């Protein structure tokens, strides 16, 4: 289940006001969640709302009242546990960090590779940066960690 971090209203005037579920049970979104390397399907996404100030609380952002132009103000949360990356896909920081790290190490152009390393060394650097170790194939084809 993906739900807001806050369980009560965080605005200055209504601090402590409990949040209410804004959607009916049959209208709750069911999405795909990628948590680490595990895929979870049909995960419920809940939204909370303060009935006093009408601030809405989502898992990755909050939407407060309206500004002078009548538009709501959206605040993205730096400490969100999950982030929305598509219409029905949410991911955690482990997965999104791995994707960003992989893009940096594997898809960099020859001139932009870190330290001008060949692609094989970039892959080893990715494994080192992401998992804290280098995995190499020994002569029999089995993976081992040479740092042990």
C-alpha atoms as a PDB file:
ATOM      1  CA  UNK A   1       0.000   0.000   0.000  1.00  0.00           C
ATOM      2  CA  UNK A   2       1.302   3.427  -0.960  1.00  0.00           C
ATOM      3  CA  UNK A   3       0.057   6.175   1.352  1.00  0.00           C
ATOM      4  CA  UNK A   4       1.033   9.692   2.452  1.00  0.00           C
ATOM      5  CA  UNK A   5       3.876  10.086   4.933  1.00  0.00           C
ATOM      6  CA  UNK A   6       1.807  12.481   7.049  1.00  0.00           C
ATOM      7  CA  UNK A   7      -1.102  11.180   9.094  1.00  0.00           C
ATOM      8  CA  UNK A   8      -2.276  14.617  10.182  1.00  0.00           C
ATOM      9  CA  UNK A   9      -2.485  18.076   8.606  1.00  0.00           C
ATOM     10  CA  UNK A  10       0.893  19.848   8.550  1.00  0.00           C
ATOM     11  CA  UNK A  11      -0.282  23.405   7.770  1.00  0.00           C
ATOM     12  CA  UNK A  12       0.467  26.109  10.326  1.00  0.00           C
ATOM     13  CA  UNK A  13      -3.164  26.873  11.190  1.00  0.00           C
ATOM     14  CA  UNK A  14      -4.561  23.328  11.315  1.00  0.00           C
ATOM     15  CA  UNK A  15      -1.581  21.355  12.625  1.00  0.00           C
ATOM     16  CA  UNK A  16      -2.845  18.147  14.211  1.00  0.00           C
ATOM     17  CA  UNK A  17      -6.096  17.870  12.242  1.00  0.00           C
ATOM     18  CA  UNK A  18      -6.522  14.249  11.157  1.00  0.00           C
ATOM     19  CA  UNK A  19      -6.605  13.347   7.460  1.00  0.00           C
ATOM     20  CA  UNK A  20      -9.494  11.598   5.763  1.00  0.00           C
ATOM     21  CA  UNK A  21      -9.433   9.192   2.837  1.00  0.00           C
ATOM     22  CA  UNK A  22     -10.516  11.187  -0.235  1.00  0.00           C
ATOM     23  CA  UNK A  23     -11.601   8.330  -2.495  1.00  0.00           C
ATOM     24  CA  UNK A  24     -14.169   5.612  -2.079  1.00  0.00           C
ATOM     25  CA  UNK A  25     -12.850   2.048  -1.769  1.00  0.00           C
ATOM     26  CA  UNK A  26     -13.798   1.029  -5.314  1.00  0.00           C
ATOM     27  CA  UNK A  27     -12.125   4.193  -6.729  1.00  0.00           C
ATOM     28  CA  UNK A  28      -8.728   3.641  -5.068  1.00  0.00           C
ATOM     29  CA  UNK A  29      -5.975   3.392  -7.692  1.00  0.00           C
ATOM     30  CA  UNK A  30      -4.208   0.068  -8.128  1.00  0.00           C
ATOM     31  CA  UNK A  31      -0.724   0.434  -9.576  1.00  0.00           C
ATOM     32  CA  UNK A  32       2.506  -1.448 -10.173  1.00  0.00           C
ATOM     33  CA  UNK A  33       5.207  -0.852  -7.549  1.00  0.00           C
ATOM     34  CA  UNK A  34       8.859  -1.715  -8.158  1.00  0.00           C
ATOM     35  CA  UNK A  35      10.522  -2.044  -4.770  1.00  0.00           C
ATOM     36  CA  UNK A  36      14.214  -2.879  -5.087  1.00  0.00           C
ATOM     37  CA  UNK A  37      14.200  -5.701  -7.617  1.00  0.00           C
ATOM     38  CA  UNK A  38      10.696  -6.960  -6.737  1.00  0.00           C
ATOM     39  CA  UNK A  39       7.611  -6.168  -8.802  1.00  0.00           C
ATOM     40  CA  UNK A  40       4.316  -5.753  -6.908  1.00  0.00           C
ATOM     41  CA  UNK A  41       1.118  -5.464  -8.925  1.00  0.00           C
ATOM     42  CA  UNK A  42      -2.289  -4.052  -7.935  1.00  0.00           C
ATOM     43  CA  UNK A  43      -0.870  -2.006  -5.039  1.00  0.00           C
ATOM     44  CA  UNK A  44      -3.365   0.476  -3.550  1.00  0.00           C
ATOM     45  CA  UNK A  45      -2.516   4.193  -3.639  1.00  0.00           C
ATOM     46  CA  UNK A  46      -4.240   6.210  -0.916  1.00  0.00           C
ATOM     47  CA  UNK A  47      -4.696   9.984  -0.698  1.00  0.00           C
ATOM     48  CA  UNK A  48      -5.491  11.966   2.437  1.00  0.00           C
ATOM     49  CA  UNK A  49      -7.199  15.321   2.797  1.00  0.00           C
ATOM     50  CA  UNK A  50      -7.658  17.800   5.635  1.00  0.00           C
ATOM     51  CA  UNK A  51     -11.356  18.641   5.706  1.00  0.00           C
ATOM     52  CA  UNK A  52     -10.658  22.030   7.260  1.00  0.00           C
ATOM     53  CA  UNK A  53      -8.058  23.558   4.898  1.00  0.00           C
ATOM     54  CA  UNK A  54      -8.554  21.086   1.990  1.00  0.00           C
ATOM     55  CA  UNK A  55      -4.835  20.323   1.649  1.00  0.00           C
ATOM     56  CA  UNK A  56      -4.414  16.972  -0.119  1.00  0.00           C
ATOM     57  CA  UNK A  57      -1.630  14.606   0.887  1.00  0.00           C
ATOM     58  CA  UNK A  58      -0.163  12.123  -1.607  1.00  0.00           C
ATOM     59  CA  UNK A  59       2.778   9.761  -1.212  1.00  0.00           C
ATOM     60  CA  UNK A  60       5.184  11.939  -3.217  1.00  0.00           C
ATOM     61  CA  UNK A  61       3.656  15.442  -2.950  1.00  0.00           C
ATOM     62  CA  UNK A  62       1.146  17.676  -1.207  1.00  0.00           C
ATOM     63  CA  UNK A  63      -1.355  19.993  -2.858  1.00  0.00           C
ATOM     64  CA  UNK A  64      -2.412  22.974  -0.767  1.00  0.00           C
ATOM     65  CA  UNK A  65      -5.151  25.542  -1.151  1.00  0.00           C
ATOM     66  CA  UNK A  66      -5.489  27.896  -4.092  1.00  0.00           C
ATOM     67  CA  UNK A  67      -3.276  30.888  -4.872  1.00  0.00           C
ATOM     68  CA  UNK A  68      -4.449  34.285  -6.207  1.00  0.00           C
ATOM     69  CA  UNK A  69      -4.989  32.863  -9.719  1.00  0.00           C
ATOM     70  CA  UNK A  70      -7.169  30.065  -8.367  1.00  0.00           C
ATOM     71  CA  UNK A  71      -4.560  27.357  -8.975  1.00  0.00           C
ATOM     72  CA  UNK A  72      -3.549  24.830  -6.348  1.00  0.00           C
ATOM     73  CA  UNK A  73       0.076  24.788  -5.205  1.00  0.00           C
ATOM     74  CA  UNK A  74       1.946  21.477  -5.419  1.00  0.00           C
ATOM     75  CA  UNK A  75       4.903  20.692  -3.125  1.00  0.00           C
ATOM     76  CA  UNK A  76       7.047  17.648  -3.919  1.00  0.00           C
ATOM     77  CA  UNK A  77       8.473  15.829  -0.913  1.00  0.00           C
ATOM     78  CA  UNK A  78      12.204  15.154  -0.649  1.00  0.00           C
ATOM     79  CA  UNK A  79      11.614  12.329   1.835  1.00  0.00           C
ATOM     80  CA  UNK A  80       8.990  10.460  -0.203  1.00  0.00           C
ATOM     81  CA  UNK A  81       9.319   6.694   0.151  1.00  0.00           C
ATOM     82  CA  UNK A  82       8.061   6.030  -3.401  1.00  0.00           C
ATOM     83  CA  UNK A  83       7.939   8.206  -6.506  1.00  0.00           C
ATOM     84  CA  UNK A  84       5.563   8.052  -9.454  1.00  0.00           C
ATOM     85  CA  UNK A  85       7.379   7.479 -12.755  1.00  0.00           C
ATOM     86  CA  UNK A  86       4.473   6.714 -15.078  1.00  0.00           C
ATOM     87  CA  UNK A  87       0.711   6.705 -15.168  1.00  0.00           C
ATOM     88  CA  UNK A  88       0.478   3.477 -13.151  1.00  0.00           C
ATOM     89  CA  UNK A  89       4.078   2.815 -12.066  1.00  0.00           C
ATOM     90  CA  UNK A  90       5.719   3.762  -8.762  1.00  0.00           C
ATOM     91  CA  UNK A  91       9.309   2.977  -7.721  1.00  0.00           C
ATOM     92  CA  UNK A  92      11.414   3.190  -4.561  1.00  0.00           C
ATOM     93  CA  UNK A  93      14.767   4.958  -4.174  1.00  0.00           C
ATOM     94  CA  UNK A  94      16.797   1.758  -4.560  1.00  0.00           C
ATOM     95  CA  UNK A  95      15.329   1.017  -7.999  1.00  0.00           C
ATOM     96  CA  UNK A  96      15.383   4.619  -9.240  1.00  0.00           C
ATOM     97  CA  UNK A  97      18.961   5.086  -8.003  1.00  0.00           C
ATOM     98  CA  UNK A  98      20.016   1.921  -9.832  1.00  0.00           C
ATOM     99  CA  UNK A  99      18.391   3.128 -13.051  1.00  0.00           C
ATOM    100  CA  UNK A 100      20.085   6.529 -12.847  1.00  0.00           C
ATOM    101  CA  UNK A 101      23.444   4.973 -11.968  1.00  0.00           C
ATOM    102  CA  UNK A 102      23.119   2.451 -14.807  1.00  0.00           C
ATOM    103  CA  UNK A 103      22.275   5.166 -17.321  1.00  0.00           C
ATOM    104  CA  UNK A 104      25.323   7.130 -16.222  1.00  0.00           C
ATOM    105  CA  UNK A 105      27.738   4.189 -16.427  1.00  0.00           C
ATOM    106  CA  UNK A 106      26.397   2.210 -19.409  1.00  0.00           C
ATOM    107  CA  UNK A 107      25.041   4.847 -21.796  1.00  0.00           C
ATOM    108  CA  UNK A 108      27.671   7.539 -21.479  1.00  0.00           C
ATOM    109  CA  UNK A 109      29.325   8.383 -24.775  1.00  0.00           C
ATOM    110  CA  UNK A 110      32.979   7.425 -25.260  1.00  0.00           C
ATOM    111  CA  UNK A 111      34.046  10.985 -24.510  1.00  0.00           C
ATOM    112  CA  UNK A 112      31.862  11.239 -21.418  1.00  0.00           C
ATOM    113  CA  UNK A 113      32.756   7.939 -19.745  1.00  0.00           C
ATOM    114  CA  UNK A 114      34.108   8.478 -16.244  1.00  0.00           C
ATOM    115  CA  UNK A 115      37.896   8.600 -16.295  1.00  0.00           C
ATOM    116  CA  UNK A 116      37.864   7.556 -19.984  1.00  0.00           C
ATOM    117  CA  UNK A 117      37.504   3.909 -19.005  1.00  0.00           C
ATOM    118  CA  UNK A 118      36.502   1.184 -21.469  1.00  0.00           C
ATOM    119  CA  UNK A 119      32.885  -0.049 -21.231  1.00  0.00           C
ATOM    120  CA  UNK A 120      33.833  -3.220 -19.264  1.00  0.00           C
ATOM    121  CA  UNK A 121      35.475  -1.110 -16.556  1.00  0.00           C
ATOM    122  CA  UNK A 122      32.427   1.185 -16.505  1.00  0.00           C
ATOM    123  CA  UNK A 123      30.281  -1.885 -15.762  1.00  0.00           C
ATOM    124  CA  UNK A 124      32.600  -2.852 -12.910  1.00  0.00           C
ATOM    125  CA  UNK A 125      32.491   0.729 -11.625  1.00  0.00           C
ATOM    126  CA  UNK A 126      28.663   0.612 -11.736  1.00  0.00           C
ATOM    127  CA  UNK A 127      28.631  -2.580  -9.647  1.00  0.00           C
ATOM    128  CA  UNK A 128      31.108  -1.055  -7.222  1.00  0.00           C
ATOM    129  CA  UNK A 129      29.156   2.199  -6.891  1.00  0.00           C
ATOM    130  CA  UNK A 130      25.777   0.480  -6.605  1.00  0.00           C
ATOM    131  CA  UNK A 131      26.568  -2.595  -4.533  1.00  0.00           C
ATOM    132  CA  UNK A 132      29.933  -1.789  -2.935  1.00  0.00           C
ATOM    133  CA  UNK A 133      31.792  -4.649  -4.604  1.00  0.00           C
ATOM    134  CA  UNK A 134      33.221  -5.763  -7.894  1.00  0.00           C
ATOM    135  CA  UNK A 135      31.997  -9.045  -9.322  1.00  0.00           C
ATOM    136  CA  UNK A 136      34.264 -10.756 -11.817  1.00  0.00           C
ATOM    137  CA  UNK A 137      34.073 -14.023 -13.704  1.00  0.00           C
ATOM    138  CA  UNK A 138      36.825 -16.453 -12.914  1.00  0.00           C
ATOM    139  CA  UNK A 139      38.113 -18.952 -15.468  1.00  0.00           C
ATOM    140  CA  UNK A 140      35.301 -21.432 -14.749  1.00  0.00           C
ATOM    141  CA  UNK A 141      32.694 -18.738 -15.499  1.00  0.00           C
ATOM    142  CA  UNK A 142      31.459 -18.405 -11.906  1.00  0.00           C
ATOM    143  CA  UNK A 143      31.050 -14.993 -10.313  1.00  0.00           C
ATOM    144  CA  UNK A 144      33.227 -14.158  -7.357  1.00  0.00           C
ATOM    145  CA  UNK A 145      34.170 -11.060  -5.389  1.00  0.00           C
ATOM    146  CA  UNK A 146      37.922 -10.400  -5.644  1.00  0.00           C
ATOM    147  CA  UNK A 147      37.755  -7.889  -2.764  1.00  0.00           C
ATOM    148  CA  UNK A 148      37.183 -10.619  -0.147  1.00  0.00           C
END
